[in-house]
Amino acid sequence: LLPNGNFEVGVHIADVGHFIKAGSAIDAEAAERGTTVYLVDRRIDMVPKRLGEDLCSLHQKVDRLAFSVIWELDADAKVVSTKFVKSVICSEAALSYAEAQARLDDARLDDELTRSLRILNSLAKKLKAARNAAGALTLRSPEVR
């Protein structure tokens, strides 16, 4: 929460380029793959395991190099300002989707992390409602398990 009552929200992606030299064999292979692919029974990594699962992966209380977009949002989730920066981030926690949902659902929890998750969830719902009101296309498909 900012002093003016607005919220600062960031989305971060690992700075993989810090670890991979442009034009190298790893760079060429990563460009060819484009992304890590998650299949039902395995994954096909874009970059070597040491990068994808360690140096460029978020771990609790570990500094990581990133590219970030930082938004200032008002109480209605309207964007007040946007900035793009190179950053160093330190994740407060590494939660699974189920763990995050459990924090949202458990009314007995009132710690800082849970309060932050609830604020972000509220803002996400407002953003989704605004997208839908503006005519967003919603695709429905069965979940693959």
Protein backbone atom coordinates (compact mmCIF):
# COMPACT_ATOMS: atom_id res chain seq x y z
CA LEU A 1 0.00 0.00 0.00
CA LEU A 2 1.42 3.34 -1.05
CA PRO A 3 1.10 6.47 1.12
CA ASN A 4 -1.59 7.82 -1.25
CA GLY A 5 -3.74 4.69 -0.74
CA ASN A 6 -2.92 3.16 -4.12
CA PHE A 7 -1.25 -0.20 -4.65
CA GLU A 8 2.11 -1.03 -6.21
CA VAL A 9 1.95 -4.33 -8.10
CA GLY A 10 4.82 -5.96 -9.94
CA VAL A 11 5.13 -8.78 -12.45
CA HIS A 12 8.62 -10.18 -12.89
CA ILE A 13 10.37 -12.47 -15.34
CA ALA A 14 13.85 -13.89 -14.84
CA ASP A 15 16.72 -12.11 -16.56
CA VAL A 16 17.93 -15.23 -18.37
CA GLY A 17 20.04 -13.08 -20.69
CA HIS A 18 22.34 -12.26 -17.79
CA PHE A 19 23.47 -15.90 -17.79
CA ILE A 20 23.40 -16.71 -21.52
CA LYS A 21 25.77 -15.02 -23.95
CA ALA A 22 24.03 -13.70 -27.07
CA GLY A 23 24.82 -15.87 -30.08
CA SER A 24 26.02 -18.84 -28.03
CA ALA A 25 24.86 -22.41 -28.67
CA ILE A 26 22.61 -22.24 -25.57
CA ASP A 27 21.12 -18.97 -26.86
CA ALA A 28 20.39 -20.52 -30.27
CA GLU A 29 18.80 -23.62 -28.71
CA ALA A 30 16.69 -21.53 -26.30
CA ALA A 31 15.53 -19.33 -29.19
CA GLU A 32 14.57 -22.43 -31.16
CA ARG A 33 12.57 -23.86 -28.26
CA GLY A 34 11.01 -20.51 -27.36
CA THR A 35 9.67 -21.59 -23.97
CA THR A 36 9.64 -24.43 -21.48
CA VAL A 37 6.87 -26.84 -22.46
CA TYR A 38 4.91 -28.54 -19.70
CA LEU A 39 3.34 -31.86 -20.66
CA VAL A 40 1.20 -34.13 -18.53
CA ASP A 41 4.08 -36.43 -17.61
CA ARG A 42 7.22 -34.32 -18.21
CA ARG A 43 8.62 -30.97 -19.24
CA ILE A 44 10.91 -29.89 -22.06
CA ASP A 45 13.13 -27.11 -20.78
CA MET A 46 14.06 -24.07 -22.83
CA VAL A 47 17.36 -23.67 -20.97
CA PRO A 48 19.67 -26.07 -19.10
CA LYS A 49 18.37 -27.38 -15.78
CA ARG A 50 20.84 -25.33 -13.66
CA LEU A 51 19.41 -22.14 -15.15
CA GLY A 52 15.75 -23.13 -15.38
CA GLU A 53 15.41 -24.73 -11.97
CA ASP A 54 17.98 -22.77 -9.98
CA LEU A 55 19.57 -19.51 -11.13
CA CYS A 56 16.53 -18.22 -13.05
CA SER A 57 13.87 -19.75 -10.82
CA LEU A 58 12.17 -18.07 -7.90
CA HIS A 59 13.13 -19.45 -4.53
CA GLN A 60 11.95 -18.17 -1.16
CA LYS A 61 14.13 -15.40 0.32
CA VAL A 62 16.72 -15.59 -2.51
CA ASP A 63 17.62 -12.54 -4.61
CA ARG A 64 17.02 -13.00 -8.34
CA LEU A 65 17.75 -10.81 -11.36
CA ALA A 66 14.61 -9.93 -13.27
CA PHE A 67 12.85 -7.69 -15.74
CA SER A 68 9.84 -6.15 -14.06
CA VAL A 69 6.77 -4.16 -14.89
CA ILE A 70 5.55 -2.16 -11.91
CA TRP A 71 2.05 -0.70 -11.89
CA GLU A 72 0.47 1.77 -9.55
CA LEU A 73 -3.20 0.81 -9.28
CA ASP A 74 -5.99 2.70 -7.54
CA ALA A 75 -8.63 1.02 -5.35
CA ASP A 76 -10.69 0.22 -8.48
CA ALA A 77 -7.65 -1.47 -10.11
CA LYS A 78 -7.29 1.35 -12.64
CA VAL A 79 -3.69 1.83 -13.79
CA VAL A 80 -2.29 5.13 -12.53
CA SER A 81 1.27 4.58 -13.79
CA THR A 82 3.49 1.94 -15.36
CA LYS A 83 7.25 1.48 -15.37
CA PHE A 84 9.52 -1.17 -16.84
CA VAL A 85 12.79 -1.84 -15.02
CA LYS A 86 15.65 -4.27 -14.58
CA SER A 87 15.37 -5.41 -10.99
CA VAL A 88 16.52 -7.68 -8.22
CA ILE A 89 13.59 -9.38 -6.54
CA CYS A 90 13.39 -11.49 -3.41
CA SER A 91 10.30 -13.67 -3.09
CA GLU A 92 8.73 -13.69 0.33
CA ALA A 93 7.38 -17.21 -0.20
CA ALA A 94 7.28 -20.03 -2.73
CA LEU A 95 3.67 -21.19 -2.73
CA SER A 96 1.87 -23.75 -4.83
CA TYR A 97 -1.51 -22.73 -6.23
CA ALA A 98 -3.14 -24.88 -3.55
CA GLU A 99 -1.14 -23.23 -0.76
CA ALA A 100 -2.01 -19.75 -2.00
CA GLN A 101 -5.69 -20.69 -2.28
CA ALA A 102 -5.66 -22.13 1.25
CA ARG A 103 -4.36 -18.80 2.55
CA LEU A 104 -7.09 -16.93 0.69
CA ASP A 105 -9.76 -19.26 2.08
CA ASP A 106 -8.65 -19.50 5.73
CA ALA A 107 -10.30 -16.56 7.53
CA ARG A 108 -8.18 -17.27 10.63
CA LEU A 109 -5.00 -16.20 8.81
CA ASP A 110 -4.14 -12.52 9.09
CA ASP A 111 -0.38 -12.37 8.47
CA GLU A 112 1.22 -9.90 6.05
CA LEU A 113 1.68 -12.45 3.26
CA THR A 114 -1.96 -13.56 3.42
CA ARG A 115 -3.22 -9.96 3.52
CA SER A 116 -1.09 -9.20 0.43
CA LEU A 117 -2.49 -12.24 -1.40
CA ARG A 118 -6.03 -11.12 -0.59
CA ILE A 119 -5.35 -7.60 -1.90
CA LEU A 120 -3.85 -9.00 -5.11
CA ASN A 121 -6.79 -11.38 -5.51
CA SER A 122 -9.25 -8.52 -5.07
CA LEU A 123 -7.40 -6.40 -7.65
CA ALA A 124 -7.28 -9.38 -10.06
CA LYS A 125 -11.05 -9.84 -9.77
CA LYS A 126 -11.60 -6.15 -10.53
CA LEU A 127 -9.27 -6.32 -13.54
CA LYS A 128 -11.07 -9.42 -14.84
CA ALA A 129 -14.48 -7.77 -14.40
CA ALA A 130 -13.26 -4.72 -16.34
CA ARG A 131 -11.91 -6.95 -19.17
CA ASN A 132 -15.21 -8.82 -19.34
CA ALA A 133 -17.22 -5.57 -19.32
CA ALA A 134 -15.07 -4.36 -22.21
CA GLY A 135 -15.99 -7.46 -24.24
CA ALA A 136 -13.06 -9.79 -23.58
CA LEU A 137 -13.21 -13.12 -25.36
CA THR A 138 -13.49 -16.04 -22.92
CA LEU A 139 -12.48 -19.44 -24.23
CA ARG A 140 -13.64 -22.52 -22.38
CA SER A 141 -11.83 -25.81 -22.69
CA PRO A 142 -11.51 -28.88 -20.48
CA GLU A 143 -8.56 -28.93 -18.12
CA VAL A 144 -5.93 -31.52 -19.02
CA ARG A 145 -4.70 -33.55 -16.03
